[in-house]
């Protein structure tokens, strides 16, 4: 019997949820995702030191105020990391827009276009880049415009069905529902220590989104993210894509048990029906979902804090040079 990881790869595109170049080389995923938290962690390694230096030099050549150079340097670092990752995988890499722009459609568009331009200037195939944007109303509107321009998007920090439905309506290429963070909220809210994998609220959320998309002909890709255990991953076997940390990839690789398929387009059924999702409905449904409201806000704060810390690291390097 092959490992559960190999069985999973036969039915789902496996994505590495890490910025660690060594881990990506080891696990050989199809795609990879990054975010400010992962980049901050990876930037502490020696492998990233040349990229940090290159980003600082590029920002100085670009000119502008200190603040403008700092944001340019962190964007460049993300792109340089993406370039290295693309050299290790056959598929796509996701690069995230600054979370502080999550409620500003215009600013998100500007930064997203710059990230793509930076990849282009480095000679990279920009069709292999997904721009990650938080699934706020403003972020979804930015993604809608970017998709029209041929820039594919990964709508992240997705916790609710209304977010997923709005992303599909906007023509987003891919969504990243956060399985583990949904579970975290429900554990805290109920006082429970655990849920059986089949009752895991995060698993149920992704299954609902997947079945809604497939049953209604939406082409948006579903990529489960933020897993807490392999049981969640196994219950979503067959999902379009799953982005998995190196630690959980290791667990799956070490397990030679059987892994049955749980999700498939042919078996997709959904009682949810598409309808017009305007801003009023989106905000009302979001407001009514305490978990999604709290976790979206928390996720934006976390990514922002790590973005600021990453900028501080770049600033210290720049001052020392």
C-alpha atoms as a PDB file:
ATOM      1  CA  UNK A   1       0.000   0.000   0.000  1.00  0.00           C
ATOM      2  CA  UNK A   2       1.323   3.435  -0.908  1.00  0.00           C
ATOM      3  CA  UNK A   3       1.341   6.197   1.704  1.00  0.00           C
ATOM      4  CA  UNK A   4      -1.702   8.335   2.337  1.00  0.00           C
ATOM      5  CA  UNK A   5       0.234  11.250   0.886  1.00  0.00           C
ATOM      6  CA  UNK A   6       0.729   9.465  -2.428  1.00  0.00           C
ATOM      7  CA  UNK A   7      -2.914   8.366  -2.431  1.00  0.00           C
ATOM      8  CA  UNK A   8      -3.981  11.952  -1.771  1.00  0.00           C
ATOM      9  CA  UNK A   9      -1.841  13.233  -4.645  1.00  0.00           C
ATOM     10  CA  UNK A  10      -3.732  10.891  -6.983  1.00  0.00           C
ATOM     11  CA  UNK A  11      -7.013  12.724  -6.352  1.00  0.00           C
ATOM     12  CA  UNK A  12      -6.060  16.189  -5.045  1.00  0.00           C
ATOM     13  CA  UNK A  13      -3.412  18.738  -5.965  1.00  0.00           C
ATOM     14  CA  UNK A  14      -1.126  18.932  -2.933  1.00  0.00           C
ATOM     15  CA  UNK A  15       0.208  22.382  -2.125  1.00  0.00           C
ATOM     16  CA  UNK A  16       3.011  23.175   0.342  1.00  0.00           C
ATOM     17  CA  UNK A  17       1.939  25.640   3.013  1.00  0.00           C
ATOM     18  CA  UNK A  18       5.408  26.972   3.720  1.00  0.00           C
ATOM     19  CA  UNK A  19       8.083  29.380   2.579  1.00  0.00           C
ATOM     20  CA  UNK A  20      10.859  26.981   3.624  1.00  0.00           C
ATOM     21  CA  UNK A  21      12.793  26.236   0.447  1.00  0.00           C
ATOM     22  CA  UNK A  22      14.296  23.032   1.832  1.00  0.00           C
ATOM     23  CA  UNK A  23      10.866  21.703   2.797  1.00  0.00           C
ATOM     24  CA  UNK A  24       9.467  22.502  -0.634  1.00  0.00           C
ATOM     25  CA  UNK A  25      12.382  20.718  -2.295  1.00  0.00           C
ATOM     26  CA  UNK A  26      11.866  17.718  -0.008  1.00  0.00           C
ATOM     27  CA  UNK A  27       8.115  17.289  -0.470  1.00  0.00           C
ATOM     28  CA  UNK A  28       7.897  18.237  -4.136  1.00  0.00           C
ATOM     29  CA  UNK A  29       4.364  19.666  -4.082  1.00  0.00           C
ATOM     30  CA  UNK A  30       2.547  20.800  -7.210  1.00  0.00           C
ATOM     31  CA  UNK A  31       2.048  24.352  -5.920  1.00  0.00           C
ATOM     32  CA  UNK A  32       3.091  26.473  -2.937  1.00  0.00           C
ATOM     33  CA  UNK A  33       1.490  29.228  -0.897  1.00  0.00           C
ATOM     34  CA  UNK A  34       3.107  32.014   1.073  1.00  0.00           C
ATOM     35  CA  UNK A  35       1.865  34.744   3.395  1.00  0.00           C
ATOM     36  CA  UNK A  36       3.526  37.326   5.677  1.00  0.00           C
ATOM     37  CA  UNK A  37       3.649  34.854   8.577  1.00  0.00           C
ATOM     38  CA  UNK A  38       5.386  32.176   6.521  1.00  0.00           C
ATOM     39  CA  UNK A  39       7.774  34.687   4.940  1.00  0.00           C
ATOM     40  CA  UNK A  40       8.655  36.108   8.360  1.00  0.00           C
ATOM     41  CA  UNK A  41       9.530  32.635   9.603  1.00  0.00           C
ATOM     42  CA  UNK A  42      11.466  31.736   6.466  1.00  0.00           C
ATOM     43  CA  UNK A  43      13.345  35.041   6.400  1.00  0.00           C
ATOM     44  CA  UNK A  44      15.190  34.018   9.553  1.00  0.00           C
ATOM     45  CA  UNK A  45      16.998  31.302   7.577  1.00  0.00           C
ATOM     46  CA  UNK A  46      20.301  31.771   5.785  1.00  0.00           C
ATOM     47  CA  UNK A  47      18.660  30.767   2.509  1.00  0.00           C
ATOM     48  CA  UNK A  48      16.725  34.026   2.550  1.00  0.00           C
ATOM     49  CA  UNK A  49      19.622  36.349   3.405  1.00  0.00           C
ATOM     50  CA  UNK A  50      20.661  36.971  -0.242  1.00  0.00           C
ATOM     51  CA  UNK A  51      17.023  37.717  -1.113  1.00  0.00           C
ATOM     52  CA  UNK A  52      16.749  40.183   1.777  1.00  0.00           C
ATOM     53  CA  UNK A  53      19.887  41.946   0.602  1.00  0.00           C
ATOM     54  CA  UNK A  54      18.684  42.048  -3.005  1.00  0.00           C
ATOM     55  CA  UNK A  55      15.313  43.432  -1.935  1.00  0.00           C
ATOM     56  CA  UNK A  56      16.924  46.246   0.046  1.00  0.00           C
ATOM     57  CA  UNK A  57      19.227  47.189  -2.858  1.00  0.00           C
ATOM     58  CA  UNK A  58      16.311  47.173  -5.301  1.00  0.00           C
ATOM     59  CA  UNK A  59      14.263  49.422  -3.010  1.00  0.00           C
ATOM     60  CA  UNK A  60      17.094  51.958  -2.777  1.00  0.00           C
ATOM     61  CA  UNK A  61      17.397  52.077  -6.553  1.00  0.00           C
ATOM     62  CA  UNK A  62      13.646  52.603  -6.776  1.00  0.00           C
ATOM     63  CA  UNK A  63      13.904  55.662  -4.549  1.00  0.00           C
ATOM     64  CA  UNK A  64      11.072  57.479  -2.822  1.00  0.00           C
ATOM     65  CA  UNK A  65      10.436  58.050   0.862  1.00  0.00           C
ATOM     66  CA  UNK A  66      11.668  55.644   3.526  1.00  0.00           C
ATOM     67  CA  UNK A  67       8.148  54.237   3.880  1.00  0.00           C
ATOM     68  CA  UNK A  68       7.817  53.733   0.121  1.00  0.00           C
ATOM     69  CA  UNK A  69      11.186  51.997  -0.055  1.00  0.00           C
ATOM     70  CA  UNK A  70      10.216  49.730   2.834  1.00  0.00           C
ATOM     71  CA  UNK A  71       6.983  48.546   1.227  1.00  0.00           C
ATOM     72  CA  UNK A  72       8.796  48.088  -2.085  1.00  0.00           C
ATOM     73  CA  UNK A  73      11.498  46.020  -0.383  1.00  0.00           C
ATOM     74  CA  UNK A  74       8.988  43.696   1.299  1.00  0.00           C
ATOM     75  CA  UNK A  75       7.088  43.281  -1.972  1.00  0.00           C
ATOM     76  CA  UNK A  76      10.361  42.484  -3.715  1.00  0.00           C
ATOM     77  CA  UNK A  77      11.288  39.985  -1.016  1.00  0.00           C
ATOM     78  CA  UNK A  78       7.960  38.198  -1.482  1.00  0.00           C
ATOM     79  CA  UNK A  79       8.530  38.079  -5.238  1.00  0.00           C
ATOM     80  CA  UNK A  80      12.132  36.892  -4.933  1.00  0.00           C
ATOM     81  CA  UNK A  81      10.933  34.143  -2.597  1.00  0.00           C
ATOM     82  CA  UNK A  82       8.218  33.282  -5.094  1.00  0.00           C
ATOM     83  CA  UNK A  83      10.811  33.087  -7.863  1.00  0.00           C
ATOM     84  CA  UNK A  84      12.910  30.629  -5.865  1.00  0.00           C
ATOM     85  CA  UNK A  85       9.849  28.547  -5.058  1.00  0.00           C
ATOM     86  CA  UNK A  86       8.780  28.444  -8.709  1.00  0.00           C
ATOM     87  CA  UNK A  87      12.152  26.927  -9.506  1.00  0.00           C
ATOM     88  CA  UNK A  88      11.295  24.015  -7.204  1.00  0.00           C
ATOM     89  CA  UNK A  89       7.695  23.274  -8.235  1.00  0.00           C
ATOM     90  CA  UNK A  90       5.893  22.635 -11.523  1.00  0.00           C
ATOM     91  CA  UNK A  91       2.791  24.656 -10.672  1.00  0.00           C
ATOM     92  CA  UNK A  92       1.917  28.049  -9.185  1.00  0.00           C
ATOM     93  CA  UNK A  93       2.912  30.107  -6.185  1.00  0.00           C
ATOM     94  CA  UNK A  94       0.623  32.435  -4.242  1.00  0.00           C
ATOM     95  CA  UNK A  95       1.964  35.834  -3.175  1.00  0.00           C
ATOM     96  CA  UNK A  96      -0.037  37.927  -0.735  1.00  0.00           C
ATOM     97  CA  UNK A  97      -1.022  41.588  -0.868  1.00  0.00           C
ATOM     98  CA  UNK A  98      -0.362  43.562   2.338  1.00  0.00           C
ATOM     99  CA  UNK A  99      -3.220  42.756   4.732  1.00  0.00           C
ATOM    100  CA  UNK A 100      -3.437  46.414   5.764  1.00  0.00           C
ATOM    101  CA  UNK A 101      -5.049  47.050   2.373  1.00  0.00           C
ATOM    102  CA  UNK A 102      -7.858  44.545   2.968  1.00  0.00           C
ATOM    103  CA  UNK A 103     -10.545  47.241   3.027  1.00  0.00           C
ATOM    104  CA  UNK A 104      -9.203  49.355   0.157  1.00  0.00           C
ATOM    105  CA  UNK A 105     -10.040  48.074  -3.320  1.00  0.00           C
ATOM    106  CA  UNK A 106      -7.965  50.678  -5.170  1.00  0.00           C
ATOM    107  CA  UNK A 107      -4.839  50.201  -3.070  1.00  0.00           C
ATOM    108  CA  UNK A 108      -5.159  46.426  -3.354  1.00  0.00           C
ATOM    109  CA  UNK A 109      -5.309  46.720  -7.138  1.00  0.00           C
ATOM    110  CA  UNK A 110      -2.190  48.909  -7.196  1.00  0.00           C
ATOM    111  CA  UNK A 111      -0.152  46.557  -5.022  1.00  0.00           C
ATOM    112  CA  UNK A 112      -1.347  43.442  -6.829  1.00  0.00           C
ATOM    113  CA  UNK A 113      -0.353  44.887 -10.186  1.00  0.00           C
ATOM    114  CA  UNK A 114       3.062  45.839  -8.803  1.00  0.00           C
ATOM    115  CA  UNK A 115       3.662  42.294  -7.549  1.00  0.00           C
ATOM    116  CA  UNK A 116       2.876  40.950 -11.009  1.00  0.00           C
ATOM    117  CA  UNK A 117       5.122  43.568 -12.629  1.00  0.00           C
ATOM    118  CA  UNK A 118       7.988  42.595 -10.324  1.00  0.00           C
ATOM    119  CA  UNK A 119       7.616  38.951 -11.306  1.00  0.00           C
ATOM    120  CA  UNK A 120       7.558  40.007 -14.949  1.00  0.00           C
ATOM    121  CA  UNK A 121      10.703  42.120 -14.567  1.00  0.00           C
ATOM    122  CA  UNK A 122      12.462  39.086 -13.100  1.00  0.00           C
ATOM    123  CA  UNK A 123      11.585  37.145 -16.234  1.00  0.00           C
ATOM    124  CA  UNK A 124       9.023  34.915 -14.560  1.00  0.00           C
ATOM    125  CA  UNK A 125       5.915  33.513 -16.226  1.00  0.00           C
ATOM    126  CA  UNK A 126       3.226  35.534 -14.455  1.00  0.00           C
ATOM    127  CA  UNK A 127       0.582  32.931 -15.318  1.00  0.00           C
ATOM    128  CA  UNK A 128       2.248  30.839 -12.601  1.00  0.00           C
ATOM    129  CA  UNK A 129       1.526  33.473  -9.945  1.00  0.00           C
ATOM    130  CA  UNK A 130      -1.646  33.796  -7.881  1.00  0.00           C
ATOM    131  CA  UNK A 131      -2.225  37.042  -6.030  1.00  0.00           C
ATOM    132  CA  UNK A 132      -3.554  36.384  -2.519  1.00  0.00           C
ATOM    133  CA  UNK A 133      -6.156  38.826  -1.248  1.00  0.00           C
ATOM    134  CA  UNK A 134      -8.301  38.727   1.897  1.00  0.00           C
ATOM    135  CA  UNK A 135     -11.936  37.784   1.201  1.00  0.00           C
ATOM    136  CA  UNK A 136     -13.412  41.090   2.336  1.00  0.00           C
ATOM    137  CA  UNK A 137     -16.012  42.799   0.162  1.00  0.00           C
ATOM    138  CA  UNK A 138     -13.326  45.217  -1.007  1.00  0.00           C
ATOM    139  CA  UNK A 139     -10.839  42.406  -1.635  1.00  0.00           C
ATOM    140  CA  UNK A 140     -13.353  40.432  -3.673  1.00  0.00           C
ATOM    141  CA  UNK A 141     -14.091  43.482  -5.817  1.00  0.00           C
ATOM    142  CA  UNK A 142     -10.357  43.928  -6.436  1.00  0.00           C
ATOM    143  CA  UNK A 143     -10.049  40.277  -7.417  1.00  0.00           C
ATOM    144  CA  UNK A 144     -12.972  40.639  -9.815  1.00  0.00           C
ATOM    145  CA  UNK A 145     -11.127  43.401 -11.666  1.00  0.00           C
ATOM    146  CA  UNK A 146      -7.768  41.617 -11.590  1.00  0.00           C
ATOM    147  CA  UNK A 147      -9.290  38.458 -13.054  1.00  0.00           C
ATOM    148  CA  UNK A 148     -10.606  40.553 -15.946  1.00  0.00           C
ATOM    149  CA  UNK A 149      -7.032  41.775 -16.501  1.00  0.00           C
ATOM    150  CA  UNK A 150      -5.749  38.204 -16.644  1.00  0.00           C
ATOM    151  CA  UNK A 151      -4.258  38.246 -13.135  1.00  0.00           C
ATOM    152  CA  UNK A 152      -5.411  35.142 -11.287  1.00  0.00           C
ATOM    153  CA  UNK A 153      -6.300  35.472  -7.628  1.00  0.00           C
ATOM    154  CA  UNK A 154      -6.324  33.372  -4.471  1.00  0.00           C
ATOM    155  CA  UNK A 155      -9.008  34.689  -2.095  1.00  0.00           C
ATOM    156  CA  UNK A 156      -7.749  33.902   1.377  1.00  0.00           C
ATOM    157  CA  UNK A 157      -8.950  34.267   4.982  1.00  0.00           C
ATOM    158  CA  UNK A 158     -12.226  32.694   3.921  1.00  0.00           C
ATOM    159  CA  UNK A 159     -14.440  31.451   6.759  1.00  0.00           C
ATOM    160  CA  UNK A 160     -18.044  31.693   5.598  1.00  0.00           C
ATOM    161  CA  UNK A 161     -20.297  30.448   2.838  1.00  0.00           C
ATOM    162  CA  UNK A 162     -21.287  33.997   1.833  1.00  0.00           C
ATOM    163  CA  UNK A 163     -17.608  34.820   1.251  1.00  0.00           C
ATOM    164  CA  UNK A 164     -17.222  31.722  -0.910  1.00  0.00           C
ATOM    165  CA  UNK A 165     -20.382  32.443  -2.900  1.00  0.00           C
ATOM    166  CA  UNK A 166     -19.318  36.050  -3.520  1.00  0.00           C
ATOM    167  CA  UNK A 167     -15.848  34.930  -4.643  1.00  0.00           C
ATOM    168  CA  UNK A 168     -17.351  32.538  -7.182  1.00  0.00           C
ATOM    169  CA  UNK A 169     -19.702  35.245  -8.460  1.00  0.00           C
ATOM    170  CA  UNK A 170     -16.682  37.520  -8.918  1.00  0.00           C
ATOM    171  CA  UNK A 171     -14.902  34.891 -11.023  1.00  0.00           C
ATOM    172  CA  UNK A 172     -12.049  34.310  -8.587  1.00  0.00           C
ATOM    173  CA  UNK A 173      -9.657  31.625  -9.754  1.00  0.00           C
ATOM    174  CA  UNK A 174      -9.229  30.050  -6.302  1.00  0.00           C
ATOM    175  CA  UNK A 175     -10.465  30.314  -2.716  1.00  0.00           C
ATOM    176  CA  UNK A 176      -8.704  29.205   0.466  1.00  0.00           C
ATOM    177  CA  UNK A 177     -11.185  28.259   3.229  1.00  0.00           C
ATOM    178  CA  UNK A 178      -9.365  28.064   6.570  1.00  0.00           C
ATOM    179  CA  UNK A 179     -10.319  24.701   8.061  1.00  0.00           C
ATOM    180  CA  UNK A 180      -8.248  24.795  11.244  1.00  0.00           C
ATOM    181  CA  UNK A 181      -9.115  28.318  12.288  1.00  0.00           C
ATOM    182  CA  UNK A 182     -12.815  27.501  11.961  1.00  0.00           C
ATOM    183  CA  UNK A 183     -12.222  24.509  14.223  1.00  0.00           C
ATOM    184  CA  UNK A 184     -10.301  26.678  16.714  1.00  0.00           C
ATOM    185  CA  UNK A 185     -13.266  29.018  17.077  1.00  0.00           C
ATOM    186  CA  UNK A 186     -15.772  26.230  17.622  1.00  0.00           C
ATOM    187  CA  UNK A 187     -13.572  24.496  20.178  1.00  0.00           C
ATOM    188  CA  UNK A 188     -13.297  27.714  22.145  1.00  0.00           C
ATOM    189  CA  UNK A 189     -17.017  28.468  21.783  1.00  0.00           C
ATOM    190  CA  UNK A 190     -18.180  25.013  22.895  1.00  0.00           C
ATOM    191  CA  UNK A 191     -15.497  24.200  25.440  1.00  0.00           C
ATOM    192  CA  UNK A 192     -14.847  20.909  23.686  1.00  0.00           C
ATOM    193  CA  UNK A 193     -11.395  19.396  23.320  1.00  0.00           C
ATOM    194  CA  UNK A 194     -11.997  17.955  19.868  1.00  0.00           C
ATOM    195  CA  UNK A 195     -14.511  17.059  17.159  1.00  0.00           C
ATOM    196  CA  UNK A 196     -14.599  13.774  15.242  1.00  0.00           C
ATOM    197  CA  UNK A 197     -13.123  14.442  11.804  1.00  0.00           C
ATOM    198  CA  UNK A 198     -16.482  13.973  10.063  1.00  0.00           C
ATOM    199  CA  UNK A 199     -18.087  16.536  12.417  1.00  0.00           C
ATOM    200  CA  UNK A 200     -15.251  19.058  12.224  1.00  0.00           C
ATOM    201  CA  UNK A 201     -16.876  22.457  11.463  1.00  0.00           C
ATOM    202  CA  UNK A 202     -14.011  23.433   9.171  1.00  0.00           C
ATOM    203  CA  UNK A 203     -14.329  20.221   7.182  1.00  0.00           C
ATOM    204  CA  UNK A 204     -18.090  20.722   6.902  1.00  0.00           C
ATOM    205  CA  UNK A 205     -17.588  24.300   5.688  1.00  0.00           C
ATOM    206  CA  UNK A 206     -15.177  23.293   2.913  1.00  0.00           C
ATOM    207  CA  UNK A 207     -17.377  20.354   1.886  1.00  0.00           C
ATOM    208  CA  UNK A 208     -20.369  22.680   1.564  1.00  0.00           C
ATOM    209  CA  UNK A 209     -18.415  25.146  -0.563  1.00  0.00           C
ATOM    210  CA  UNK A 210     -16.979  22.396  -2.776  1.00  0.00           C
ATOM    211  CA  UNK A 211     -20.376  20.811  -3.391  1.00  0.00           C
ATOM    212  CA  UNK A 212     -21.994  24.203  -4.085  1.00  0.00           C
ATOM    213  CA  UNK A 213     -19.355  25.071  -6.676  1.00  0.00           C
ATOM    214  CA  UNK A 214     -19.428  21.713  -8.436  1.00  0.00           C
ATOM    215  CA  UNK A 215     -23.219  21.293  -8.387  1.00  0.00           C
ATOM    216  CA  UNK A 216     -23.745  24.752  -9.854  1.00  0.00           C
ATOM    217  CA  UNK A 217     -20.971  24.811 -12.430  1.00  0.00           C
ATOM    218  CA  UNK A 218     -18.654  27.366 -10.824  1.00  0.00           C
ATOM    219  CA  UNK A 219     -15.054  27.006 -12.012  1.00  0.00           C
ATOM    220  CA  UNK A 220     -13.481  28.569  -8.912  1.00  0.00           C
ATOM    221  CA  UNK A 221     -10.956  26.165  -7.383  1.00  0.00           C
ATOM    222  CA  UNK A 222     -11.419  25.136  -3.730  1.00  0.00           C
ATOM    223  CA  UNK A 223      -8.196  24.823  -1.739  1.00  0.00           C
ATOM    224  CA  UNK A 224      -8.634  23.817   1.901  1.00  0.00           C
ATOM    225  CA  UNK A 225      -6.049  25.477   4.147  1.00  0.00           C
ATOM    226  CA  UNK A 226      -4.925  25.872   7.750  1.00  0.00           C
ATOM    227  CA  UNK A 227      -5.159  22.260   8.886  1.00  0.00           C
ATOM    228  CA  UNK A 228      -4.774  21.207  12.505  1.00  0.00           C
ATOM    229  CA  UNK A 229      -4.550  17.435  11.990  1.00  0.00           C
ATOM    230  CA  UNK A 230      -4.450  14.791   9.264  1.00  0.00           C
ATOM    231  CA  UNK A 231      -8.030  13.740  10.033  1.00  0.00           C
ATOM    232  CA  UNK A 232      -9.263  17.019   8.545  1.00  0.00           C
ATOM    233  CA  UNK A 233      -7.176  16.421   5.428  1.00  0.00           C
ATOM    234  CA  UNK A 234      -8.442  12.874   5.008  1.00  0.00           C
ATOM    235  CA  UNK A 235     -12.070  14.005   5.235  1.00  0.00           C
ATOM    236  CA  UNK A 236     -11.413  16.402   2.337  1.00  0.00           C
ATOM    237  CA  UNK A 237      -9.614  13.907   0.087  1.00  0.00           C
ATOM    238  CA  UNK A 238     -10.676  14.693  -3.460  1.00  0.00           C
ATOM    239  CA  UNK A 239     -10.979  18.452  -2.898  1.00  0.00           C
ATOM    240  CA  UNK A 240      -9.450  20.402  -5.797  1.00  0.00           C
ATOM    241  CA  UNK A 241      -6.379  21.411  -3.810  1.00  0.00           C
ATOM    242  CA  UNK A 242      -5.207  21.204  -0.198  1.00  0.00           C
ATOM    243  CA  UNK A 243      -2.371  23.333   1.158  1.00  0.00           C
ATOM    244  CA  UNK A 244      -0.578  21.399   3.878  1.00  0.00           C
ATOM    245  CA  UNK A 245       2.247  22.174   6.306  1.00  0.00           C
ATOM    246  CA  UNK A 246       5.471  20.115   6.170  1.00  0.00           C
ATOM    247  CA  UNK A 247       4.692  18.525   9.555  1.00  0.00           C
ATOM    248  CA  UNK A 248       1.356  17.160   8.340  1.00  0.00           C
ATOM    249  CA  UNK A 249       2.866  16.116   5.003  1.00  0.00           C
ATOM    250  CA  UNK A 250       5.311  14.050   7.037  1.00  0.00           C
ATOM    251  CA  UNK A 251       2.486  12.391   8.961  1.00  0.00           C
ATOM    252  CA  UNK A 252       0.608  11.507   5.801  1.00  0.00           C
ATOM    253  CA  UNK A 253       3.764  10.163   4.191  1.00  0.00           C
ATOM    254  CA  UNK A 254       4.415   7.898   7.169  1.00  0.00           C
ATOM    255  CA  UNK A 255       0.885   6.426   7.143  1.00  0.00           C
ATOM    256  CA  UNK A 256       0.321   3.452   4.826  1.00  0.00           C
ATOM    257  CA  UNK A 257      -3.389   3.104   5.578  1.00  0.00           C
ATOM    258  CA  UNK A 258      -6.177   3.344   3.017  1.00  0.00           C
ATOM    259  CA  UNK A 259      -7.398   6.822   2.032  1.00  0.00           C
ATOM    260  CA  UNK A 260     -10.886   6.788   0.484  1.00  0.00           C
ATOM    261  CA  UNK A 261     -12.084   9.680  -1.645  1.00  0.00           C
ATOM    262  CA  UNK A 262     -14.597  11.934   0.118  1.00  0.00           C
ATOM    263  CA  UNK A 263     -15.311  14.654  -2.470  1.00  0.00           C
ATOM    264  CA  UNK A 264     -15.845  14.374  -6.212  1.00  0.00           C
ATOM    265  CA  UNK A 265     -17.522  16.534  -8.876  1.00  0.00           C
ATOM    266  CA  UNK A 266     -19.696  13.623 -10.006  1.00  0.00           C
ATOM    267  CA  UNK A 267     -21.234  13.144  -6.553  1.00  0.00           C
ATOM    268  CA  UNK A 268     -21.629  16.837  -5.730  1.00  0.00           C
ATOM    269  CA  UNK A 269     -25.071  17.826  -4.467  1.00  0.00           C
ATOM    270  CA  UNK A 270     -26.057  21.132  -2.903  1.00  0.00           C
ATOM    271  CA  UNK A 271     -29.243  22.629  -1.500  1.00  0.00           C
ATOM    272  CA  UNK A 272     -27.641  26.080  -1.813  1.00  0.00           C
ATOM    273  CA  UNK A 273     -28.754  27.992  -4.891  1.00  0.00           C
ATOM    274  CA  UNK A 274     -26.912  30.867  -6.574  1.00  0.00           C
ATOM    275  CA  UNK A 275     -28.465  34.299  -6.199  1.00  0.00           C
ATOM    276  CA  UNK A 276     -27.592  37.954  -6.475  1.00  0.00           C
ATOM    277  CA  UNK A 277     -25.020  38.833  -3.809  1.00  0.00           C
ATOM    278  CA  UNK A 278     -24.811  42.582  -3.383  1.00  0.00           C
ATOM    279  CA  UNK A 279     -22.869  44.469  -0.737  1.00  0.00           C
ATOM    280  CA  UNK A 280     -25.854  44.734   1.594  1.00  0.00           C
ATOM    281  CA  UNK A 281     -26.445  40.966   1.600  1.00  0.00           C
ATOM    282  CA  UNK A 282     -22.748  40.198   1.927  1.00  0.00           C
ATOM    283  CA  UNK A 283     -22.316  42.452   4.929  1.00  0.00           C
ATOM    284  CA  UNK A 284     -25.525  41.253   6.586  1.00  0.00           C
ATOM    285  CA  UNK A 285     -24.712  37.561   6.206  1.00  0.00           C
ATOM    286  CA  UNK A 286     -21.164  38.228   7.403  1.00  0.00           C
ATOM    287  CA  UNK A 287     -22.485  40.081  10.424  1.00  0.00           C
ATOM    288  CA  UNK A 288     -24.775  37.169  11.278  1.00  0.00           C
ATOM    289  CA  UNK A 289     -21.827  34.730  11.299  1.00  0.00           C
ATOM    290  CA  UNK A 290     -19.929  35.467  14.508  1.00  0.00           C
ATOM    291  CA  UNK A 291     -17.222  32.908  13.783  1.00  0.00           C
ATOM    292  CA  UNK A 292     -16.469  34.258  10.322  1.00  0.00           C
ATOM    293  CA  UNK A 293     -16.537  37.884  11.470  1.00  0.00           C
ATOM    294  CA  UNK A 294     -14.164  37.243  14.353  1.00  0.00           C
ATOM    295  CA  UNK A 295     -11.765  34.981  12.470  1.00  0.00           C
ATOM    296  CA  UNK A 296     -11.538  37.280   9.447  1.00  0.00           C
ATOM    297  CA  UNK A 297     -10.679  40.237  11.681  1.00  0.00           C
ATOM    298  CA  UNK A 298      -8.221  38.133  13.666  1.00  0.00           C
ATOM    299  CA  UNK A 299      -6.581  36.825  10.500  1.00  0.00           C
ATOM    300  CA  UNK A 300      -6.104  40.300   9.081  1.00  0.00           C
ATOM    301  CA  UNK A 301      -4.597  41.472  12.378  1.00  0.00           C
ATOM    302  CA  UNK A 302      -2.225  38.493  12.512  1.00  0.00           C
ATOM    303  CA  UNK A 303      -1.008  38.942   8.949  1.00  0.00           C
ATOM    304  CA  UNK A 304      -0.641  42.680   9.550  1.00  0.00           C
ATOM    305  CA  UNK A 305       1.446  42.142  12.682  1.00  0.00           C
ATOM    306  CA  UNK A 306       3.736  39.739  10.841  1.00  0.00           C
ATOM    307  CA  UNK A 307       3.972  42.123   7.875  1.00  0.00           C
ATOM    308  CA  UNK A 308       5.069  44.894  10.245  1.00  0.00           C
ATOM    309  CA  UNK A 309       7.637  42.614  11.882  1.00  0.00           C
ATOM    310  CA  UNK A 310       8.926  41.623   8.451  1.00  0.00           C
ATOM    311  CA  UNK A 311       9.267  45.306   7.574  1.00  0.00           C
ATOM    312  CA  UNK A 312      11.142  45.896  10.838  1.00  0.00           C
ATOM    313  CA  UNK A 313      13.559  43.135   9.912  1.00  0.00           C
ATOM    314  CA  UNK A 314      14.107  44.671   6.482  1.00  0.00           C
ATOM    315  CA  UNK A 315      14.556  48.129   8.045  1.00  0.00           C
ATOM    316  CA  UNK A 316      17.204  46.867  10.457  1.00  0.00           C
ATOM    317  CA  UNK A 317      19.064  45.192   7.613  1.00  0.00           C
ATOM    318  CA  UNK A 318      18.900  48.352   5.536  1.00  0.00           C
ATOM    319  CA  UNK A 319      20.240  50.495   8.386  1.00  0.00           C
ATOM    320  CA  UNK A 320      23.068  48.070   9.062  1.00  0.00           C
ATOM    321  CA  UNK A 321      24.175  47.980   5.440  1.00  0.00           C
END
